[in-house]
Full PDB file with SEQRES, HELIX, SHEET, SSBOND, CRYST1, ORIGX, SCALE, CONECT and MASTER records, all heavy atoms in Angstrom:
SEQRES   1 A   31  THR ILE GLU VAL ILE THR GLY SER VAL GLU ILE ALA PRO          
SEQRES   2 A   31  ALA ALA ARG ILE ALA ASP ALA ILE PHE ASP ILE VAL SER          
SEQRES   3 A   31  SER GLY SER THR LEU                                          
HELIX    1 AA1 VAL A    9  ILE A   11  5                                   3    
CRYST1    1.000    1.000    1.000  90.00  90.00  90.00 P 1           1          
ORIGX1      1.000000  0.000000  0.000000        0.00000                         
ORIGX2      0.000000  1.000000  0.000000        0.00000                         
ORIGX3      0.000000  0.000000  1.000000        0.00000                         
SCALE1      1.000000  0.000000  0.000000        0.00000                         
SCALE2      0.000000  1.000000  0.000000        0.00000                         
SCALE3      0.000000  0.000000  1.000000        0.00000                         
ATOM      1  N   THR A   1     -86.444 217.809  20.351  1.00  0.00           N  
ATOM      2  CA  THR A   1     -85.105 217.303  20.034  1.00  0.00           C  
ATOM      3  C   THR A   1     -84.182 218.477  19.775  1.00  0.00           C  
ATOM      4  O   THR A   1     -84.536 219.406  19.024  1.00  0.00           O  
ATOM      5  CB  THR A   1     -85.149 216.401  18.794  1.00  0.00           C  
ATOM      6  OG1 THR A   1     -86.046 215.312  19.035  1.00  0.00           O  
ATOM      7  CG2 THR A   1     -83.761 215.856  18.464  1.00  0.00           C  
ATOM      8  N   ILE A   2     -83.003 218.466  20.411  1.00  0.00           N  
ATOM      9  CA  ILE A   2     -82.029 219.537  20.213  1.00  0.00           C  
ATOM     10  C   ILE A   2     -80.965 219.079  19.225  1.00  0.00           C  
ATOM     11  O   ILE A   2     -80.312 218.054  19.419  1.00  0.00           O  
ATOM     12  CB  ILE A   2     -81.364 219.931  21.553  1.00  0.00           C  
ATOM     13  CG1 ILE A   2     -82.425 220.477  22.520  1.00  0.00           C  
ATOM     14  CG2 ILE A   2     -80.255 220.956  21.322  1.00  0.00           C  
ATOM     15  CD1 ILE A   2     -81.887 220.804  23.897  1.00  0.00           C  
ATOM     16  N   GLU A   3     -80.828 219.845  18.143  1.00  0.00           N  
ATOM     17  CA  GLU A   3     -79.821 219.574  17.117  1.00  0.00           C  
ATOM     18  C   GLU A   3     -78.699 220.601  17.284  1.00  0.00           C  
ATOM     19  O   GLU A   3     -78.891 221.797  17.045  1.00  0.00           O  
ATOM     20  CB  GLU A   3     -80.435 219.705  15.725  1.00  0.00           C  
ATOM     21  CG  GLU A   3     -79.518 219.337  14.590  1.00  0.00           C  
ATOM     22  CD  GLU A   3     -79.259 217.838  14.480  1.00  0.00           C  
ATOM     23  OE1 GLU A   3     -80.155 217.045  14.849  1.00  0.00           O  
ATOM     24  OE2 GLU A   3     -78.163 217.469  14.012  1.00  0.00           O  
ATOM     25  N   VAL A   4     -77.522 220.146  17.722  1.00  0.00           N  
ATOM     26  CA  VAL A   4     -76.418 221.070  17.986  1.00  0.00           C  
ATOM     27  C   VAL A   4     -75.693 221.417  16.684  1.00  0.00           C  
ATOM     28  O   VAL A   4     -75.218 220.529  15.966  1.00  0.00           O  
ATOM     29  CB  VAL A   4     -75.423 220.476  18.997  1.00  0.00           C  
ATOM     30  CG1 VAL A   4     -74.266 221.448  19.234  1.00  0.00           C  
ATOM     31  CG2 VAL A   4     -76.132 220.162  20.314  1.00  0.00           C  
ATOM     32  N   ILE A   5     -75.625 222.716  16.394  1.00  0.00           N  
ATOM     33  CA  ILE A   5     -74.936 223.237  15.212  1.00  0.00           C  
ATOM     34  C   ILE A   5     -73.996 224.342  15.689  1.00  0.00           C  
ATOM     35  O   ILE A   5     -74.386 225.193  16.488  1.00  0.00           O  
ATOM     36  CB  ILE A   5     -75.931 223.806  14.178  1.00  0.00           C  
ATOM     37  CG1 ILE A   5     -76.836 222.692  13.648  1.00  0.00           C  
ATOM     38  CG2 ILE A   5     -75.205 224.480  13.031  1.00  0.00           C  
ATOM     39  CD1 ILE A   5     -77.890 223.166  12.661  1.00  0.00           C  
ATOM     40  N   THR A   6     -72.763 224.339  15.224  1.00  0.00           N  
ATOM     41  CA  THR A   6     -71.780 225.300  15.722  1.00  0.00           C  
ATOM     42  C   THR A   6     -71.758 226.610  14.949  1.00  0.00           C  
ATOM     43  O   THR A   6     -71.171 227.586  15.406  1.00  0.00           O  
ATOM     44  CB  THR A   6     -70.365 224.691  15.700  1.00  0.00           C  
ATOM     45  OG1 THR A   6     -70.059 224.256  14.369  1.00  0.00           O  
ATOM     46  CG2 THR A   6     -70.277 223.497  16.644  1.00  0.00           C  
ATOM     47  N   GLY A   7     -72.396 226.659  13.805  1.00  0.00           N  
ATOM     48  CA  GLY A   7     -72.403 227.902  13.031  1.00  0.00           C  
ATOM     49  C   GLY A   7     -73.557 227.933  12.050  1.00  0.00           C  
ATOM     50  O   GLY A   7     -74.128 226.898  11.696  1.00  0.00           O  
ATOM     51  N   SER A   8     -73.946 229.140  11.627  1.00  0.00           N  
ATOM     52  CA  SER A   8     -75.030 229.327  10.656  1.00  0.00           C  
ATOM     53  C   SER A   8     -76.301 228.603  11.074  1.00  0.00           C  
ATOM     54  O   SER A   8     -76.957 227.922  10.273  1.00  0.00           O  
ATOM     55  CB  SER A   8     -74.589 228.855   9.264  1.00  0.00           C  
ATOM     56  OG  SER A   8     -73.457 229.569   8.826  1.00  0.00           O  
ATOM     57  N   VAL A   9     -76.673 228.780  12.336  1.00  0.00           N  
ATOM     58  CA  VAL A   9     -77.867 228.126  12.875  1.00  0.00           C  
ATOM     59  C   VAL A   9     -79.114 228.563  12.123  1.00  0.00           C  
ATOM     60  O   VAL A   9     -80.039 227.768  11.919  1.00  0.00           O  
ATOM     61  CB  VAL A   9     -78.001 228.444  14.379  1.00  0.00           C  
ATOM     62  CG1 VAL A   9     -79.314 227.919  14.941  1.00  0.00           C  
ATOM     63  CG2 VAL A   9     -76.828 227.860  15.149  1.00  0.00           C  
ATOM     64  N   GLU A  10     -79.129 229.795  11.671  1.00  0.00           N  
ATOM     65  CA  GLU A  10     -80.341 230.358  11.079  1.00  0.00           C  
ATOM     66  C   GLU A  10     -80.775 229.666   9.780  1.00  0.00           C  
ATOM     67  O   GLU A  10     -81.925 229.804   9.356  1.00  0.00           O  
ATOM     68  CB  GLU A  10     -80.163 231.855  10.827  1.00  0.00           C  
ATOM     69  CG  GLU A  10     -79.090 232.213   9.815  1.00  0.00           C  
ATOM     70  CD  GLU A  10     -77.686 232.254  10.409  1.00  0.00           C  
ATOM     71  OE1 GLU A  10     -77.540 232.046  11.623  1.00  0.00           O  
ATOM     72  OE2 GLU A  10     -76.731 232.478   9.630  1.00  0.00           O  
ATOM     73  N   ILE A  11     -79.872 228.914   9.129  1.00  0.00           N  
ATOM     74  CA  ILE A  11     -80.254 228.252   7.880  1.00  0.00           C  
ATOM     75  C   ILE A  11     -80.922 226.906   8.125  1.00  0.00           C  
ATOM     76  O   ILE A  11     -81.428 226.287   7.190  1.00  0.00           O  
ATOM     77  CB  ILE A  11     -79.028 228.042   6.966  1.00  0.00           C  
ATOM     78  CG1 ILE A  11     -78.074 226.972   7.545  1.00  0.00           C  
ATOM     79  CG2 ILE A  11     -78.311 229.349   6.711  1.00  0.00           C  
ATOM     80  CD1 ILE A  11     -77.019 226.502   6.577  1.00  0.00           C  
ATOM     81  N   ALA A  12     -80.942 226.445   9.385  1.00  0.00           N  
ATOM     82  CA  ALA A  12     -81.426 225.095   9.685  1.00  0.00           C  
ATOM     83  C   ALA A  12     -82.848 224.812   9.200  1.00  0.00           C  
ATOM     84  O   ALA A  12     -83.097 223.757   8.599  1.00  0.00           O  
ATOM     85  CB  ALA A  12     -81.298 224.813  11.182  1.00  0.00           C  
ATOM     86  N   PRO A  13     -83.836 225.692   9.433  1.00  0.00           N  
ATOM     87  CA  PRO A  13     -85.187 225.383   8.940  1.00  0.00           C  
ATOM     88  C   PRO A  13     -85.266 225.276   7.419  1.00  0.00           C  
ATOM     89  O   PRO A  13     -85.881 224.346   6.883  1.00  0.00           O  
ATOM     90  CB  PRO A  13     -86.024 226.551   9.471  1.00  0.00           C  
ATOM     91  CG  PRO A  13     -85.290 226.999  10.692  1.00  0.00           C  
ATOM     92  CD  PRO A  13     -83.839 226.867  10.326  1.00  0.00           C  
ATOM     93  N   ALA A  14     -84.626 226.200   6.708  1.00  0.00           N  
ATOM     94  CA  ALA A  14     -84.665 226.159   5.244  1.00  0.00           C  
ATOM     95  C   ALA A  14     -83.955 224.938   4.699  1.00  0.00           C  
ATOM     96  O   ALA A  14     -84.347 224.389   3.658  1.00  0.00           O  
ATOM     97  CB  ALA A  14     -84.033 227.431   4.667  1.00  0.00           C  
ATOM     98  N   ALA A  15     -82.905 224.488   5.421  1.00  0.00           N  
ATOM     99  CA  ALA A  15     -82.159 223.303   4.994  1.00  0.00           C  
ATOM    100  C   ALA A  15     -82.793 222.003   5.490  1.00  0.00           C  
ATOM    101  O   ALA A  15     -82.244 220.928   5.270  1.00  0.00           O  
ATOM    102  CB  ALA A  15     -80.724 223.393   5.502  1.00  0.00           C  
ATOM    103  N   ARG A  16     -83.925 222.126   6.168  1.00  0.00           N  
ATOM    104  CA  ARG A  16     -84.656 220.981   6.728  1.00  0.00           C  
ATOM    105  C   ARG A  16     -83.828 220.190   7.750  1.00  0.00           C  
ATOM    106  O   ARG A  16     -84.008 218.991   7.933  1.00  0.00           O  
ATOM    107  CB  ARG A  16     -85.130 220.051   5.609  1.00  0.00           C  
ATOM    108  CG  ARG A  16     -86.082 220.731   4.630  1.00  0.00           C  
ATOM    109  CD  ARG A  16     -86.558 219.791   3.562  1.00  0.00           C  
ATOM    110  NE  ARG A  16     -87.430 220.471   2.616  1.00  0.00           N  
ATOM    111  CZ  ARG A  16     -87.961 219.887   1.532  1.00  0.00           C  
ATOM    112  NH1 ARG A  16     -87.680 218.615   1.272  1.00  0.00           N  
ATOM    113  NH2 ARG A  16     -88.748 220.576   0.730  1.00  0.00           N  
ATOM    114  N   ILE A  17     -82.941 220.899   8.414  1.00  0.00           N  
ATOM    115  CA  ILE A  17     -82.160 220.296   9.498  1.00  0.00           C  
ATOM    116  C   ILE A  17     -82.966 220.333  10.790  1.00  0.00           C  
ATOM    117  O   ILE A  17     -82.850 219.451  11.640  1.00  0.00           O  
ATOM    118  CB  ILE A  17     -80.826 221.045   9.677  1.00  0.00           C  
ATOM    119  CG1 ILE A  17     -79.972 220.902   8.413  1.00  0.00           C  
ATOM    120  CG2 ILE A  17     -80.055 220.546  10.897  1.00  0.00           C  
ATOM    121  CD1 ILE A  17     -78.742 221.797   8.400  1.00  0.00           C  
ATOM    122  N   ALA A  18     -83.801 221.367  10.931  1.00  0.00           N  
ATOM    123  CA  ALA A  18     -84.599 221.524  12.138  1.00  0.00           C  
ATOM    124  C   ALA A  18     -85.855 222.317  11.812  1.00  0.00           C  
ATOM    125  O   ALA A  18     -85.964 222.937  10.747  1.00  0.00           O  
ATOM    126  CB  ALA A  18     -83.788 222.238  13.211  1.00  0.00           C  
ATOM    127  N   ASP A  19     -86.805 222.291  12.756  1.00  0.00           N  
ATOM    128  CA  ASP A  19     -88.069 223.014  12.575  1.00  0.00           C  
ATOM    129  C   ASP A  19     -87.972 224.453  13.064  1.00  0.00           C  
ATOM    130  O   ASP A  19     -88.748 225.316  12.638  1.00  0.00           O  
ATOM    131  CB  ASP A  19     -89.193 222.312  13.344  1.00  0.00           C  
ATOM    132  CG  ASP A  19     -89.340 220.853  12.949  1.00  0.00           C  
ATOM    133  OD1 ASP A  19     -89.643 220.593  11.765  1.00  0.00           O  
ATOM    134  OD2 ASP A  19     -89.134 219.974  13.816  1.00  0.00           O  
ATOM    135  N   ALA A  20     -87.054 224.690  13.991  1.00  0.00           N  
ATOM    136  CA  ALA A  20     -86.910 226.008  14.606  1.00  0.00           C  
ATOM    137  C   ALA A  20     -85.463 226.188  15.027  1.00  0.00           C  
ATOM    138  O   ALA A  20     -84.664 225.244  14.957  1.00  0.00           O  
ATOM    139  CB  ALA A  20     -87.843 226.125  15.813  1.00  0.00           C  
ATOM    140  N   ILE A  21     -85.127 227.402  15.480  1.00  0.00           N  
ATOM    141  CA  ILE A  21     -83.754 227.637  15.949  1.00  0.00           C  
ATOM    142  C   ILE A  21     -83.779 228.342  17.302  1.00  0.00           C  
ATOM    143  O   ILE A  21     -84.769 228.988  17.676  1.00  0.00           O  
ATOM    144  CB  ILE A  21     -82.936 228.481  14.947  1.00  0.00           C  
ATOM    145  CG1 ILE A  21     -83.446 229.930  14.900  1.00  0.00           C  
ATOM    146  CG2 ILE A  21     -82.953 227.855  13.562  1.00  0.00           C  
ATOM    147  CD1 ILE A  21     -82.498 230.901  14.203  1.00  0.00           C  
ATOM    148  N   PHE A  22     -82.682 228.209  18.012  1.00  0.00           N  
ATOM    149  CA  PHE A  22     -82.447 228.943  19.258  1.00  0.00           C  
ATOM    150  C   PHE A  22     -81.068 229.555  19.127  1.00  0.00           C  
ATOM    151  O   PHE A  22     -80.058 228.855  19.100  1.00  0.00           O  
ATOM    152  CB  PHE A  22     -82.506 227.985  20.452  1.00  0.00           C  
ATOM    153  CG  PHE A  22     -82.215 228.641  21.772  1.00  0.00           C  
ATOM    154  CD1 PHE A  22     -83.037 229.641  22.258  1.00  0.00           C  
ATOM    155  CD2 PHE A  22     -81.126 228.254  22.532  1.00  0.00           C  
ATOM    156  CE1 PHE A  22     -82.781 230.251  23.479  1.00  0.00           C  
ATOM    157  CE2 PHE A  22     -80.859 228.849  23.754  1.00  0.00           C  
ATOM    158  CZ  PHE A  22     -81.695 229.847  24.230  1.00  0.00           C  
ATOM    159  N   ASP A  23     -81.019 230.900  19.016  1.00  0.00           N  
ATOM    160  CA  ASP A  23     -79.746 231.528  18.676  1.00  0.00           C  
ATOM    161  C   ASP A  23     -79.693 232.962  19.207  1.00  0.00           C  
ATOM    162  O   ASP A  23     -80.684 233.504  19.700  1.00  0.00           O  
ATOM    163  CB  ASP A  23     -79.572 231.525  17.158  1.00  0.00           C  
ATOM    164  CG  ASP A  23     -78.120 231.697  16.716  1.00  0.00           C  
ATOM    165  OD1 ASP A  23     -77.214 231.479  17.549  1.00  0.00           O  
ATOM    166  OD2 ASP A  23     -77.884 232.042  15.544  1.00  0.00           O  
ATOM    167  N   ILE A  24     -78.508 233.567  19.066  1.00  0.00           N  
ATOM    168  CA  ILE A  24     -78.314 234.960  19.455  1.00  0.00           C  
ATOM    169  C   ILE A  24     -79.039 235.879  18.465  1.00  0.00           C  
ATOM    170  O   ILE A  24     -78.957 235.684  17.253  1.00  0.00           O  
ATOM    171  CB  ILE A  24     -76.812 235.307  19.479  1.00  0.00           C  
ATOM    172  CG1 ILE A  24     -76.134 234.624  20.667  1.00  0.00           C  
ATOM    173  CG2 ILE A  24     -76.596 236.808  19.558  1.00  0.00           C  
ATOM    174  CD1 ILE A  24     -74.645 234.856  20.734  1.00  0.00           C  
ATOM    175  N   VAL A  25     -79.737 236.863  19.001  1.00  0.00           N  
ATOM    176  CA  VAL A  25     -80.407 237.870  18.187  1.00  0.00           C  
ATOM    177  C   VAL A  25     -79.954 239.242  18.659  1.00  0.00           C  
ATOM    178  O   VAL A  25     -79.964 239.524  19.861  1.00  0.00           O  
ATOM    179  CB  VAL A  25     -81.942 237.761  18.303  1.00  0.00           C  
ATOM    180  CG1 VAL A  25     -82.617 238.848  17.468  1.00  0.00           C  
ATOM    181  CG2 VAL A  25     -82.423 236.380  17.879  1.00  0.00           C  
ATOM    182  N   SER A  26     -79.525 240.069  17.731  1.00  0.00           N  
ATOM    183  CA  SER A  26     -79.174 241.455  18.063  1.00  0.00           C  
ATOM    184  C   SER A  26     -80.197 242.384  17.421  1.00  0.00           C  
ATOM    185  O   SER A  26     -81.129 242.827  18.063  1.00  0.00           O  
ATOM    186  CB  SER A  26     -77.754 241.781  17.600  1.00  0.00           C  
ATOM    187  OG  SER A  26     -76.808 241.014  18.316  1.00  0.00           O  
ATOM    188  N   SER A  27     -80.048 242.636  16.149  1.00  0.00           N  
ATOM    189  CA  SER A  27     -81.001 243.502  15.459  1.00  0.00           C  
ATOM    190  C   SER A  27     -82.190 242.735  14.895  1.00  0.00           C  
ATOM    191  O   SER A  27     -83.246 243.305  14.647  1.00  0.00           O  
ATOM    192  CB  SER A  27     -80.295 244.239  14.317  1.00  0.00           C  
ATOM    193  OG  SER A  27     -79.891 243.313  13.323  1.00  0.00           O  
ATOM    194  N   GLY A  28     -82.015 241.442  14.665  1.00  0.00           N  
ATOM    195  CA  GLY A  28     -83.076 240.642  14.068  1.00  0.00           C  
ATOM    196  C   GLY A  28     -83.000 240.569  12.554  1.00  0.00           C  
ATOM    197  O   GLY A  28     -83.787 239.860  11.919  1.00  0.00           O  
ATOM    198  N   SER A  29     -82.031 241.269  11.957  1.00  0.00           N  
ATOM    199  CA  SER A  29     -81.939 241.299  10.496  1.00  0.00           C  
ATOM    200  C   SER A  29     -81.595 239.927   9.912  1.00  0.00           C  
ATOM    201  O   SER A  29     -82.061 239.574   8.824  1.00  0.00           O  
ATOM    202  CB  SER A  29     -80.900 242.336  10.062  1.00  0.00           C  
ATOM    203  OG  SER A  29     -79.620 242.025  10.599  1.00  0.00           O  
ATOM    204  N   THR A  30     -80.791 239.145  10.631  1.00  0.00           N  
ATOM    205  CA  THR A  30     -80.429 237.815  10.133  1.00  0.00           C  
ATOM    206  C   THR A  30     -81.655 236.908  10.088  1.00  0.00           C  
ATOM    207  O   THR A  30     -81.822 236.109   9.154  1.00  0.00           O  
ATOM    208  CB  THR A  30     -79.340 237.182  11.020  1.00  0.00           C  
ATOM    209  OG1 THR A  30     -78.196 238.022  11.024  1.00  0.00           O  
ATOM    210  CG2 THR A  30     -78.943 235.808  10.499  1.00  0.00           C  
ATOM    211  N   LEU A  31     -82.513 237.038  11.078  1.00  0.00           N  
ATOM    212  CA  LEU A  31     -83.754 236.247  11.073  1.00  0.00           C  
ATOM    213  C   LEU A  31     -84.620 236.621   9.875  1.00  0.00           C  
ATOM    214  O   LEU A  31     -85.137 235.749   9.164  1.00  0.00           O  
ATOM    215  CB  LEU A  31     -84.537 236.469  12.371  1.00  0.00           C  
ATOM    216  CG  LEU A  31     -83.900 236.003  13.672  1.00  0.00           C  
ATOM    217  CD1 LEU A  31     -84.831 236.273  14.843  1.00  0.00           C  
ATOM    218  CD2 LEU A  31     -83.540 234.526  13.614  1.00  0.00           C  
TER     219      LEU A  31                                                      
MASTER        0    0    0    1    0    0    0    6  218    1    0    3          
END                                                                             
């Protein structure tokens, strides 16, 4: 299931919005 979020995708697992994320990664520090 794809859950569309327009911002702060990385908080989705901790917020129990989703099990995983698909997002832009540069340095990886945000992950």
